[in-house]
Amino acid sequence: MHKTELLKNPDTKTTYFIRDEASESITRAQYNNLTKDDTLKWFRRLGGSETAERSYTCRGYNVTKLTSTSPDRGIKIIRKFKFQ
């Protein structure tokens, strides 16, 4: 998983600055917890925005990019998944 954390540019409406980038290996169970429909719906109910992009991988049709935005739209986290 490659995780990029972005911070909103105060001068504009749609641009972000890169705050932090990190790569880590996660287990299949952790992946399932991050991309489960119930988890995405729970964060949406809190007021944030959750967008899951799916595509075909070596393990089937899975989420390959998960974009999370905070309720105040100040922080955006993009998680990209690569399957091995």
C-alpha atoms as a PDB file:
ATOM      1  CA  MET A   1       0.000   0.000   0.000  1.00  0.00           C
ATOM      2  CA  HIS A   2       1.271   3.454  -0.890  1.00  0.00           C
ATOM      3  CA  LYS A   3      -0.268   6.166   1.298  1.00  0.00           C
ATOM      4  CA  THR A   4      -0.146   9.876   0.390  1.00  0.00           C
ATOM      5  CA  GLU A   5      -1.459  12.489   2.801  1.00  0.00           C
ATOM      6  CA  LEU A   6      -2.381  15.855   1.286  1.00  0.00           C
ATOM      7  CA  LEU A   7      -3.036  19.179   3.024  1.00  0.00           C
ATOM      8  CA  LYS A   8      -5.410  21.756   1.501  1.00  0.00           C
ATOM      9  CA  ASN A   9      -3.875  24.853  -0.063  1.00  0.00           C
ATOM     10  CA  PRO A  10      -5.525  27.797   1.750  1.00  0.00           C
ATOM     11  CA  ASP A  11      -5.255  30.063  -1.312  1.00  0.00           C
ATOM     12  CA  THR A  12      -7.317  27.920  -3.685  1.00  0.00           C
ATOM     13  CA  LYS A  13     -10.361  25.651  -3.620  1.00  0.00           C
ATOM     14  CA  THR A  14      -9.066  22.528  -5.338  1.00  0.00           C
ATOM     15  CA  THR A  15      -5.292  22.175  -4.846  1.00  0.00           C
ATOM     16  CA  TYR A  16      -3.432  20.284  -2.162  1.00  0.00           C
ATOM     17  CA  PHE A  17       0.152  20.133  -0.854  1.00  0.00           C
ATOM     18  CA  ILE A  18       1.837  16.787  -0.164  1.00  0.00           C
ATOM     19  CA  ARG A  19       2.205  16.456   3.588  1.00  0.00           C
ATOM     20  CA  ASP A  20       3.489  12.874   3.925  1.00  0.00           C
ATOM     21  CA  GLU A  21       4.146   9.795   1.792  1.00  0.00           C
ATOM     22  CA  ALA A  22       4.718   6.254   3.009  1.00  0.00           C
ATOM     23  CA  SER A  23       4.727   2.716   1.667  1.00  0.00           C
ATOM     24  CA  GLU A  24       4.012  -0.371   3.717  1.00  0.00           C
ATOM     25  CA  SER A  25       3.022  -3.989   3.328  1.00  0.00           C
ATOM     26  CA  ILE A  26      -0.371  -4.950   4.705  1.00  0.00           C
ATOM     27  CA  THR A  27      -2.093  -8.278   5.133  1.00  0.00           C
ATOM     28  CA  ARG A  28      -5.199  -9.400   3.294  1.00  0.00           C
ATOM     29  CA  ALA A  29      -7.239  -8.948   6.505  1.00  0.00           C
ATOM     30  CA  GLN A  30      -6.094  -5.331   6.855  1.00  0.00           C
ATOM     31  CA  TYR A  31      -6.931  -4.700   3.193  1.00  0.00           C
ATOM     32  CA  ASN A  32     -10.410  -6.156   3.688  1.00  0.00           C
ATOM     33  CA  ASN A  33     -11.012  -3.931   6.749  1.00  0.00           C
ATOM     34  CA  LEU A  34      -9.960  -0.796   4.828  1.00  0.00           C
ATOM     35  CA  THR A  35     -12.045  -1.477   1.734  1.00  0.00           C
ATOM     36  CA  LYS A  36     -15.174  -3.106   3.203  1.00  0.00           C
ATOM     37  CA  ASP A  37     -18.453  -1.404   2.218  1.00  0.00           C
ATOM     38  CA  ASP A  38     -19.510  -1.058   5.873  1.00  0.00           C
ATOM     39  CA  THR A  39     -16.278   0.792   6.686  1.00  0.00           C
ATOM     40  CA  LEU A  40     -16.713   3.186   3.766  1.00  0.00           C
ATOM     41  CA  LYS A  41     -20.344   3.879   4.715  1.00  0.00           C
ATOM     42  CA  TRP A  42     -19.359   4.536   8.349  1.00  0.00           C
ATOM     43  CA  PHE A  43     -16.830   7.202   7.347  1.00  0.00           C
ATOM     44  CA  ARG A  44     -19.371   8.786   4.985  1.00  0.00           C
ATOM     45  CA  ARG A  45     -21.866   9.029   7.866  1.00  0.00           C
ATOM     46  CA  LEU A  46     -19.256  10.964   9.873  1.00  0.00           C
ATOM     47  CA  GLY A  47     -19.281  13.595   7.137  1.00  0.00           C
ATOM     48  CA  GLY A  48     -16.170  12.643   5.203  1.00  0.00           C
ATOM     49  CA  SER A  49     -15.901  11.526   1.623  1.00  0.00           C
ATOM     50  CA  GLU A  50     -14.789   8.018   0.671  1.00  0.00           C
ATOM     51  CA  THR A  51     -14.180   7.074  -2.951  1.00  0.00           C
ATOM     52  CA  ALA A  52     -13.102   3.570  -3.954  1.00  0.00           C
ATOM     53  CA  GLU A  53     -11.798   2.922  -7.461  1.00  0.00           C
ATOM     54  CA  ARG A  54     -11.871  -0.677  -8.590  1.00  0.00           C
ATOM     55  CA  SER A  55     -10.054  -2.440 -11.417  1.00  0.00           C
ATOM     56  CA  TYR A  56      -9.041  -5.933 -12.447  1.00  0.00           C
ATOM     57  CA  THR A  57      -5.957  -7.289 -10.655  1.00  0.00           C
ATOM     58  CA  CYS A  58      -4.234 -10.650 -10.339  1.00  0.00           C
ATOM     59  CA  ARG A  59      -6.669 -11.392  -7.459  1.00  0.00           C
ATOM     60  CA  GLY A  60      -9.829 -10.360  -9.287  1.00  0.00           C
ATOM     61  CA  TYR A  61     -11.879  -7.174  -9.359  1.00  0.00           C
ATOM     62  CA  ASN A  62     -10.623  -5.273  -6.301  1.00  0.00           C
ATOM     63  CA  VAL A  63     -10.223  -1.757  -4.928  1.00  0.00           C
ATOM     64  CA  THR A  64      -6.917  -0.355  -6.233  1.00  0.00           C
ATOM     65  CA  LYS A  65      -7.275   3.268  -5.081  1.00  0.00           C
ATOM     66  CA  LEU A  66      -9.054   4.587  -1.999  1.00  0.00           C
ATOM     67  CA  THR A  67      -9.460   8.356  -1.557  1.00  0.00           C
ATOM     68  CA  SER A  68     -10.565   9.680   1.845  1.00  0.00           C
ATOM     69  CA  THR A  69     -11.367  13.332   2.541  1.00  0.00           C
ATOM     70  CA  SER A  70     -11.960  14.787   6.007  1.00  0.00           C
ATOM     71  CA  PRO A  71     -15.337  16.391   6.829  1.00  0.00           C
ATOM     72  CA  ASP A  72     -13.839  19.913   6.721  1.00  0.00           C
ATOM     73  CA  ARG A  73     -12.134  19.100   3.370  1.00  0.00           C
ATOM     74  CA  GLY A  74      -8.748  20.115   4.850  1.00  0.00           C
ATOM     75  CA  ILE A  75      -6.966  16.755   4.594  1.00  0.00           C
ATOM     76  CA  LYS A  76      -7.119  14.163   1.839  1.00  0.00           C
ATOM     77  CA  ILE A  77      -5.543  10.700   2.069  1.00  0.00           C
ATOM     78  CA  ILE A  78      -4.960   8.610  -1.050  1.00  0.00           C
ATOM     79  CA  ARG A  79      -4.188   4.909  -0.637  1.00  0.00           C
ATOM     80  CA  LYS A  80      -3.017   2.926  -3.689  1.00  0.00           C
ATOM     81  CA  PHE A  81      -2.857  -0.840  -3.500  1.00  0.00           C
ATOM     82  CA  LYS A  82      -0.592  -3.176  -5.456  1.00  0.00           C
ATOM     83  CA  PHE A  83      -1.205  -6.908  -5.350  1.00  0.00           C
ATOM     84  CA  GLN A  84       1.515  -9.548  -5.341  1.00  0.00           C
END
